[in-house]
N, C-alpha and C. Protein backbone atom coordinates (compact mmCIF):
# COMPACT_ATOMS: atom_id res chain seq x y z
N MET A 1 51.07 -3.28 -68.45
CA MET A 1 50.15 -3.01 -69.30
C MET A 1 49.01 -2.23 -68.63
N PRO A 2 48.82 -0.98 -68.50
CA PRO A 2 47.87 -0.29 -67.85
C PRO A 2 46.40 -0.49 -68.54
N PHE A 3 45.45 -0.75 -67.78
CA PHE A 3 43.89 -0.81 -68.44
C PHE A 3 43.36 0.27 -68.89
N THR A 4 42.83 0.31 -70.09
CA THR A 4 42.03 1.30 -70.73
C THR A 4 40.85 0.77 -71.29
N ASN A 5 39.72 1.56 -70.99
CA ASN A 5 38.46 0.80 -71.72
C ASN A 5 38.42 1.15 -73.10
N PRO A 6 37.74 0.29 -73.90
CA PRO A 6 37.49 0.22 -75.30
C PRO A 6 37.04 1.77 -75.72
N SER A 7 37.17 2.11 -76.95
CA SER A 7 36.65 3.37 -77.43
C SER A 7 35.22 3.22 -77.25
N THR A 8 34.56 4.80 -77.21
CA THR A 8 33.20 4.70 -77.26
C THR A 8 32.51 3.99 -78.51
N GLU A 9 33.04 4.03 -79.72
CA GLU A 9 32.59 3.39 -80.75
C GLU A 9 32.72 1.85 -80.50
N GLN A 10 33.76 1.29 -80.14
CA GLN A 10 33.77 -0.04 -79.73
C GLN A 10 32.84 -0.36 -78.63
N ILE A 11 32.70 0.09 -77.99
CA ILE A 11 31.45 -0.11 -76.80
C ILE A 11 30.13 0.06 -77.36
N ARG A 12 29.77 0.84 -78.37
CA ARG A 12 28.66 0.93 -78.99
C ARG A 12 28.42 -0.49 -79.65
N GLN A 13 29.50 -0.77 -80.57
CA GLN A 13 29.37 -1.94 -81.24
C GLN A 13 29.03 -3.29 -80.46
N LEU A 14 29.94 -3.34 -79.34
CA LEU A 14 29.70 -4.37 -78.28
C LEU A 14 28.30 -4.44 -77.89
N LEU A 15 27.62 -3.18 -77.57
CA LEU A 15 26.19 -3.34 -77.15
C LEU A 15 25.29 -3.78 -78.22
N LEU A 16 25.47 -3.38 -79.57
CA LEU A 16 24.77 -3.72 -80.62
C LEU A 16 24.95 -5.18 -80.96
N ASN A 17 26.03 -5.59 -80.72
CA ASN A 17 26.14 -7.18 -81.01
C ASN A 17 25.89 -8.09 -80.04
N VAL A 18 25.71 -7.84 -78.86
CA VAL A 18 25.52 -8.87 -77.85
C VAL A 18 23.96 -8.99 -77.51
N HIS A 19 23.62 -10.09 -77.18
CA HIS A 19 22.09 -10.30 -76.89
C HIS A 19 21.71 -10.93 -75.79
N SER A 20 22.85 -11.73 -75.13
CA SER A 20 22.63 -12.52 -73.82
C SER A 20 23.46 -11.91 -72.58
N ILE A 21 22.92 -11.56 -71.69
CA ILE A 21 23.84 -10.94 -70.64
C ILE A 21 23.53 -11.73 -69.36
N ALA A 22 24.69 -12.19 -68.66
CA ALA A 22 24.67 -12.95 -67.47
C ALA A 22 24.84 -11.81 -66.53
N VAL A 23 23.74 -11.33 -65.44
CA VAL A 23 24.18 -10.41 -64.55
C VAL A 23 24.61 -10.94 -63.22
N VAL A 24 25.77 -10.98 -62.88
CA VAL A 24 26.37 -11.40 -61.64
C VAL A 24 25.99 -10.29 -60.56
N GLY A 25 25.16 -11.00 -59.45
CA GLY A 25 25.14 -10.19 -58.25
C GLY A 25 23.57 -9.31 -58.61
N LEU A 26 22.76 -9.88 -59.41
CA LEU A 26 21.48 -9.27 -59.84
C LEU A 26 20.55 -9.36 -58.63
N SER A 27 20.30 -8.45 -57.93
CA SER A 27 19.47 -8.42 -56.94
C SER A 27 17.81 -8.37 -57.21
N PRO A 28 17.05 -9.28 -56.46
CA PRO A 28 15.68 -9.19 -56.74
C PRO A 28 14.92 -7.95 -56.11
N ASN A 29 15.72 -7.07 -55.29
CA ASN A 29 15.21 -5.82 -54.62
C ASN A 29 14.97 -4.75 -55.84
N THR A 30 13.82 -4.47 -56.04
CA THR A 30 13.65 -3.43 -56.89
C THR A 30 14.30 -1.98 -56.86
N ALA A 31 14.76 -1.79 -55.60
CA ALA A 31 15.55 -0.48 -55.23
C ALA A 31 17.01 -0.49 -55.90
N ARG A 32 17.59 -1.67 -56.02
CA ARG A 32 19.06 -1.91 -56.27
C ARG A 32 19.36 -1.43 -57.59
N PRO A 33 20.53 -0.79 -57.85
CA PRO A 33 21.09 -0.65 -59.24
C PRO A 33 20.83 -1.78 -60.06
N SER A 34 21.31 -2.94 -59.38
CA SER A 34 21.58 -3.96 -60.58
C SER A 34 20.00 -4.41 -60.98
N PHE A 35 18.83 -4.20 -60.22
CA PHE A 35 17.78 -4.53 -60.58
C PHE A 35 17.16 -3.67 -61.74
N ARG A 36 17.64 -2.34 -61.49
CA ARG A 36 17.25 -1.23 -62.24
C ARG A 36 17.87 -1.39 -63.65
N VAL A 37 19.12 -1.59 -63.72
CA VAL A 37 19.98 -1.76 -65.03
C VAL A 37 19.36 -2.88 -65.71
N ALA A 38 19.52 -4.14 -65.03
CA ALA A 38 19.04 -5.36 -65.91
C ALA A 38 17.47 -5.31 -66.42
N SER A 39 16.65 -4.73 -65.66
CA SER A 39 15.47 -4.52 -65.98
C SER A 39 15.28 -3.59 -67.43
N GLY A 40 15.89 -2.38 -67.31
CA GLY A 40 16.08 -1.61 -68.50
C GLY A 40 16.57 -2.42 -69.73
N LEU A 41 17.77 -3.09 -69.46
CA LEU A 41 18.31 -4.06 -70.61
C LEU A 41 17.34 -4.92 -71.04
N GLN A 42 16.39 -5.43 -70.30
CA GLN A 42 15.43 -6.83 -70.56
C GLN A 42 14.57 -5.96 -71.42
N ASN A 43 13.93 -4.69 -70.83
CA ASN A 43 13.02 -4.24 -71.77
C ASN A 43 13.43 -3.62 -72.93
N ALA A 44 14.84 -3.36 -73.24
CA ALA A 44 15.50 -3.15 -74.48
C ALA A 44 15.48 -4.38 -75.45
N GLY A 45 15.09 -5.55 -74.93
CA GLY A 45 15.29 -6.73 -75.77
C GLY A 45 16.44 -7.61 -75.53
N TYR A 46 17.52 -7.18 -74.52
CA TYR A 46 18.39 -8.22 -74.27
C TYR A 46 17.86 -9.57 -73.41
N ARG A 47 18.36 -10.76 -73.59
CA ARG A 47 18.06 -11.71 -72.71
C ARG A 47 19.06 -11.67 -71.38
N ILE A 48 18.22 -11.72 -70.31
CA ILE A 48 18.90 -11.57 -69.23
C ILE A 48 19.08 -12.88 -68.31
N THR A 49 20.17 -13.03 -67.91
CA THR A 49 20.33 -14.38 -67.01
C THR A 49 20.98 -14.16 -65.59
N PRO A 50 20.07 -13.99 -64.42
CA PRO A 50 20.62 -13.92 -63.10
C PRO A 50 21.59 -14.52 -62.85
N VAL A 51 22.50 -14.28 -62.11
CA VAL A 51 23.51 -15.06 -61.54
C VAL A 51 23.67 -14.56 -60.07
N ARG A 52 23.04 -15.39 -59.17
CA ARG A 52 23.25 -14.94 -57.93
C ARG A 52 22.69 -16.32 -56.78
N PRO A 53 23.40 -16.68 -56.00
CA PRO A 53 23.08 -17.89 -55.03
C PRO A 53 21.81 -17.49 -54.23
N LEU A 54 21.04 -18.42 -54.01
CA LEU A 54 19.93 -18.51 -53.01
C LEU A 54 18.92 -17.56 -53.57
N VAL A 55 18.71 -17.40 -54.76
CA VAL A 55 17.58 -16.72 -55.20
C VAL A 55 17.06 -17.66 -56.44
N GLU A 56 15.79 -18.01 -56.53
CA GLU A 56 15.21 -18.69 -57.62
C GLU A 56 14.98 -17.90 -58.77
N GLN A 57 14.49 -16.68 -59.05
CA GLN A 57 14.27 -16.22 -60.14
C GLN A 57 14.53 -14.47 -59.72
N VAL A 58 14.71 -13.81 -61.01
CA VAL A 58 14.71 -12.39 -60.89
C VAL A 58 14.30 -11.87 -62.10
N LEU A 59 13.48 -10.88 -62.21
CA LEU A 59 12.73 -10.53 -63.53
C LEU A 59 12.24 -11.43 -64.27
N GLY A 60 11.65 -12.58 -63.82
CA GLY A 60 10.95 -13.57 -64.35
C GLY A 60 11.93 -14.52 -65.10
N GLU A 61 13.21 -14.49 -64.74
CA GLU A 61 14.26 -15.43 -65.33
C GLU A 61 14.70 -16.21 -64.13
N LYS A 62 14.95 -17.57 -64.40
CA LYS A 62 15.56 -18.46 -63.65
C LYS A 62 17.06 -17.86 -63.16
N ALA A 63 17.23 -18.01 -61.92
CA ALA A 63 18.64 -17.67 -61.42
C ALA A 63 19.39 -18.64 -61.35
N PHE A 64 20.80 -18.40 -61.50
CA PHE A 64 21.80 -19.51 -61.39
C PHE A 64 22.83 -19.02 -60.34
N PRO A 65 23.34 -20.07 -59.33
CA PRO A 65 24.08 -19.74 -58.45
C PRO A 65 25.82 -19.04 -58.88
N ASN A 66 26.11 -19.59 -59.99
CA ASN A 66 27.45 -19.20 -60.55
C ASN A 66 27.32 -19.18 -62.05
N LEU A 67 28.48 -18.93 -62.64
CA LEU A 67 28.82 -18.96 -64.10
C LEU A 67 28.70 -20.15 -64.51
N GLU A 68 29.50 -21.01 -63.77
CA GLU A 68 29.46 -22.46 -64.28
C GLU A 68 28.20 -23.30 -64.42
N SER A 69 27.09 -22.95 -63.89
CA SER A 69 25.85 -23.61 -63.72
C SER A 69 24.89 -23.12 -64.79
N LEU A 70 25.44 -22.14 -65.68
CA LEU A 70 24.53 -21.43 -66.74
C LEU A 70 24.27 -22.59 -67.70
N PRO A 71 23.04 -22.71 -68.22
CA PRO A 71 22.75 -23.73 -69.33
C PRO A 71 23.48 -23.41 -70.69
N ALA A 72 23.69 -22.26 -70.97
CA ALA A 72 24.32 -21.88 -72.05
C ALA A 72 25.52 -20.40 -71.91
N LEU A 73 26.61 -20.27 -72.68
CA LEU A 73 27.34 -19.33 -72.43
C LEU A 73 26.69 -17.85 -72.90
N PRO A 74 26.76 -16.91 -72.26
CA PRO A 74 26.23 -15.33 -72.25
C PRO A 74 27.17 -14.80 -73.48
N ASP A 75 26.67 -13.88 -74.07
CA ASP A 75 27.51 -13.01 -74.70
C ASP A 75 28.24 -12.14 -74.02
N ILE A 76 27.95 -11.67 -72.92
CA ILE A 76 28.70 -10.95 -71.89
C ILE A 76 28.22 -11.20 -70.48
N VAL A 77 29.11 -10.89 -69.69
CA VAL A 77 29.01 -11.07 -68.17
C VAL A 77 28.80 -9.61 -67.56
N ASP A 78 27.90 -9.13 -66.87
CA ASP A 78 27.86 -7.93 -66.31
C ASP A 78 27.81 -8.08 -64.90
N VAL A 79 28.84 -7.36 -64.05
CA VAL A 79 29.13 -7.59 -62.89
C VAL A 79 28.83 -6.39 -61.90
N PHE A 80 27.94 -6.74 -60.96
CA PHE A 80 27.48 -6.05 -59.78
C PHE A 80 27.98 -6.68 -58.69
N ARG A 81 29.06 -6.96 -58.36
CA ARG A 81 29.77 -7.42 -57.14
C ARG A 81 30.87 -6.48 -56.82
N ALA A 82 31.17 -6.52 -55.63
CA ALA A 82 32.38 -5.77 -54.83
C ALA A 82 33.56 -6.02 -55.76
N SER A 83 34.44 -5.14 -55.90
CA SER A 83 35.69 -5.33 -56.67
C SER A 83 36.40 -6.60 -56.25
N GLU A 84 36.71 -6.76 -55.05
CA GLU A 84 37.34 -7.98 -54.54
C GLU A 84 36.87 -9.27 -55.12
N HIS A 85 35.72 -9.60 -55.69
CA HIS A 85 35.12 -10.70 -56.42
C HIS A 85 35.66 -10.84 -57.74
N VAL A 86 36.11 -9.71 -58.30
CA VAL A 86 36.36 -9.68 -59.94
C VAL A 86 37.47 -10.80 -60.10
N PRO A 87 38.32 -10.93 -59.66
CA PRO A 87 39.55 -12.10 -60.15
C PRO A 87 38.90 -13.41 -60.18
N VAL A 88 38.07 -13.80 -59.18
CA VAL A 88 37.43 -15.08 -59.51
C VAL A 88 36.41 -15.11 -60.60
N ILE A 89 35.60 -14.03 -60.84
CA ILE A 89 34.81 -13.91 -61.97
C ILE A 89 35.44 -14.05 -63.11
N VAL A 90 36.60 -13.53 -63.26
CA VAL A 90 37.55 -13.45 -64.64
C VAL A 90 38.05 -14.98 -64.78
N GLU A 91 38.26 -15.46 -63.78
CA GLU A 91 38.95 -16.73 -63.93
C GLU A 91 37.86 -17.60 -64.57
N SER A 92 36.58 -17.56 -63.97
CA SER A 92 35.44 -18.34 -64.41
C SER A 92 35.22 -18.14 -65.79
N CYS A 93 35.15 -16.83 -66.29
CA CYS A 93 34.80 -16.52 -67.59
C CYS A 93 35.93 -16.98 -68.65
N ILE A 94 37.15 -16.97 -68.09
CA ILE A 94 38.25 -17.36 -68.98
C ILE A 94 38.05 -19.00 -69.21
N LYS A 95 37.96 -19.82 -68.11
CA LYS A 95 37.80 -21.09 -68.01
C LYS A 95 36.59 -21.57 -68.82
N LEU A 96 35.40 -20.70 -68.76
CA LEU A 96 34.19 -20.90 -69.86
C LEU A 96 34.32 -20.64 -71.22
N GLY A 97 35.30 -19.73 -71.67
CA GLY A 97 35.45 -19.19 -72.69
C GLY A 97 34.57 -17.96 -73.13
N ILE A 98 33.93 -17.31 -72.11
CA ILE A 98 33.20 -15.97 -72.34
C ILE A 98 34.20 -15.04 -72.80
N LYS A 99 33.69 -14.32 -73.68
CA LYS A 99 34.50 -13.39 -74.48
C LYS A 99 34.32 -11.92 -74.07
N ASN A 100 33.29 -11.64 -73.26
CA ASN A 100 33.12 -10.02 -72.97
C ASN A 100 32.77 -9.96 -71.59
N LEU A 101 33.24 -9.21 -70.88
CA LEU A 101 33.05 -8.84 -69.50
C LEU A 101 32.76 -7.23 -69.34
N TRP A 102 31.77 -6.88 -68.50
CA TRP A 102 31.33 -5.65 -68.11
C TRP A 102 31.45 -5.45 -66.70
N LEU A 103 32.28 -4.54 -66.24
CA LEU A 103 32.25 -4.21 -64.66
C LEU A 103 31.51 -2.91 -64.31
N GLN A 104 30.43 -3.12 -63.74
CA GLN A 104 29.61 -1.87 -63.69
C GLN A 104 30.27 -0.62 -62.86
N ASP A 105 29.70 0.56 -62.79
CA ASP A 105 30.06 1.66 -62.13
C ASP A 105 30.68 1.22 -60.79
N GLY A 106 31.86 1.72 -60.40
CA GLY A 106 32.29 1.35 -59.02
C GLY A 106 33.18 0.07 -58.93
N VAL A 107 32.95 -0.92 -59.86
CA VAL A 107 33.60 -2.08 -59.85
C VAL A 107 34.75 -2.06 -60.65
N ILE A 108 36.23 -1.91 -59.75
CA ILE A 108 37.36 -1.87 -60.45
C ILE A 108 38.28 -2.75 -59.93
N HIS A 109 38.87 -3.36 -60.88
CA HIS A 109 39.92 -4.23 -60.49
C HIS A 109 40.97 -4.50 -61.70
N GLU A 110 41.95 -3.46 -61.76
CA GLU A 110 42.85 -3.44 -62.81
C GLU A 110 43.62 -4.66 -63.16
N VAL A 111 44.15 -5.26 -62.29
CA VAL A 111 44.93 -6.46 -62.54
C VAL A 111 44.17 -7.65 -63.13
N ALA A 112 42.57 -7.79 -62.49
CA ALA A 112 41.90 -8.87 -63.28
C ALA A 112 41.50 -8.43 -64.47
N ALA A 113 41.18 -6.98 -64.71
CA ALA A 113 40.73 -6.67 -65.99
C ALA A 113 41.82 -6.96 -67.04
N VAL A 114 43.14 -6.66 -66.77
CA VAL A 114 44.18 -6.89 -67.50
C VAL A 114 44.40 -8.43 -67.88
N ARG A 115 44.20 -9.23 -66.78
CA ARG A 115 44.21 -10.82 -66.86
C ARG A 115 43.22 -11.10 -67.90
N ALA A 116 41.95 -10.52 -68.14
CA ALA A 116 40.91 -11.07 -69.01
C ALA A 116 41.46 -10.72 -70.18
N ILE A 117 41.89 -9.28 -70.52
CA ILE A 117 42.12 -9.02 -71.94
C ILE A 117 43.45 -9.84 -72.35
N GLU A 118 44.64 -9.97 -71.58
CA GLU A 118 45.49 -10.90 -72.01
C GLU A 118 44.91 -12.37 -72.31
N ALA A 119 43.76 -12.80 -71.89
CA ALA A 119 43.37 -14.10 -72.32
C ALA A 119 42.20 -13.97 -73.34
N GLY A 120 42.31 -12.67 -73.86
CA GLY A 120 41.34 -12.68 -75.22
C GLY A 120 39.82 -11.98 -75.09
N MET A 121 39.68 -11.52 -73.93
CA MET A 121 38.40 -11.03 -73.39
C MET A 121 38.36 -9.55 -73.97
N THR A 122 37.14 -9.13 -74.21
CA THR A 122 36.96 -7.53 -74.35
C THR A 122 36.29 -7.18 -72.72
N VAL A 123 36.98 -6.32 -72.23
CA VAL A 123 36.63 -5.84 -70.82
C VAL A 123 36.18 -4.18 -70.91
N VAL A 124 34.97 -3.94 -70.27
CA VAL A 124 34.57 -2.51 -70.02
C VAL A 124 34.58 -2.34 -68.61
N MET A 125 35.18 -1.43 -67.90
CA MET A 125 35.21 -1.21 -66.25
C MET A 125 34.87 0.10 -65.99
N ASN A 126 34.20 -0.05 -64.76
CA ASN A 126 33.71 1.24 -64.17
C ASN A 126 32.83 2.03 -65.01
N ARG A 127 31.92 1.49 -65.75
CA ARG A 127 30.90 2.10 -66.73
C ARG A 127 29.63 1.26 -66.51
N CYS A 128 28.49 2.18 -66.51
CA CYS A 128 27.07 1.61 -66.52
C CYS A 128 26.54 0.96 -68.00
N MET A 129 26.29 -0.05 -68.09
CA MET A 129 25.83 -0.84 -69.20
C MET A 129 24.48 -0.14 -69.77
N TRP A 130 23.72 0.28 -68.75
CA TRP A 130 22.48 0.79 -69.19
C TRP A 130 22.57 2.27 -69.62
N ARG A 131 23.26 2.90 -68.89
CA ARG A 131 23.51 4.35 -69.23
C ARG A 131 24.19 4.34 -70.78
N ASP A 132 25.26 3.52 -70.88
CA ASP A 132 26.05 3.65 -72.18
C ASP A 132 25.06 3.22 -73.46
N TYR A 133 24.32 2.13 -73.04
CA TYR A 133 23.15 1.66 -73.98
C TYR A 133 22.28 3.02 -74.46
N MET A 134 21.79 3.56 -73.37
CA MET A 134 20.72 4.61 -73.55
C MET A 134 21.64 5.76 -74.57
N GLN A 135 22.65 6.12 -74.22
CA GLN A 135 23.54 7.33 -74.80
C GLN A 135 24.26 6.75 -76.07
N LEU A 136 24.48 5.49 -76.32
CA LEU A 136 25.06 5.17 -77.72
C LEU A 136 24.28 4.35 -78.64
N CYS A 137 23.31 3.80 -78.05
CA CYS A 137 22.63 2.90 -78.98
C CYS A 137 21.02 2.97 -78.81
N HIS A 138 20.60 3.46 -78.04
CA HIS A 138 18.98 3.66 -77.91
C HIS A 138 18.11 4.12 -79.23
N ASN A 139 18.95 5.07 -79.94
CA ASN A 139 18.27 5.54 -81.19
C ASN A 139 18.49 4.43 -82.32
N GLN A 140 19.63 3.94 -82.54
CA GLN A 140 20.01 2.90 -83.46
C GLN A 140 19.59 1.69 -83.36
N ALA A 141 19.34 0.95 -82.23
CA ALA A 141 19.10 -0.38 -81.87
C ALA A 141 17.71 -0.66 -82.14
N ALA A 142 17.25 -1.76 -82.96
CA ALA A 142 16.21 -2.39 -82.83
C ALA A 142 16.21 -3.24 -81.78
N THR A 143 14.91 -3.70 -81.40
CA THR A 143 14.78 -4.59 -80.06
C THR A 143 15.69 -6.00 -80.55
N LYS A 144 16.32 -6.30 -79.35
CA LYS A 144 17.22 -7.58 -79.56
C LYS A 144 16.40 -8.62 -79.74
N SER A 145 15.13 -8.93 -79.57
CA SER A 145 14.48 -10.28 -79.57
C SER A 145 14.52 -10.71 -80.83
């Protein structure tokens, strides 16, 4: 089964219905795309949880070394890691029961994406969550908090 992203309307609904986002690979460096995207999403009202080892906090939020160490399951996992890390992230999501996975621009791993879908997850791949939020939801969404 080849991977295809959800429809534009399904992506819009996903973005309107999630509230908490675990951002895997969130950098404390303000120049990095992960920081800019997470900051924009946080300012839009999403609850951001940084997932990055060896970092104490990002965007004022406590960071965790991996998905398994999170105190609560997020509504969605947003991945800013190199594509070769995606299979391990998918397996963690499946094991933990996380239902939604977003792989940012340039993060592409079709086999892992199909594995996640077969396990019942919704997967968006090779798209920017912040850009999609701004294009599809910005005018319709009230703040998430």
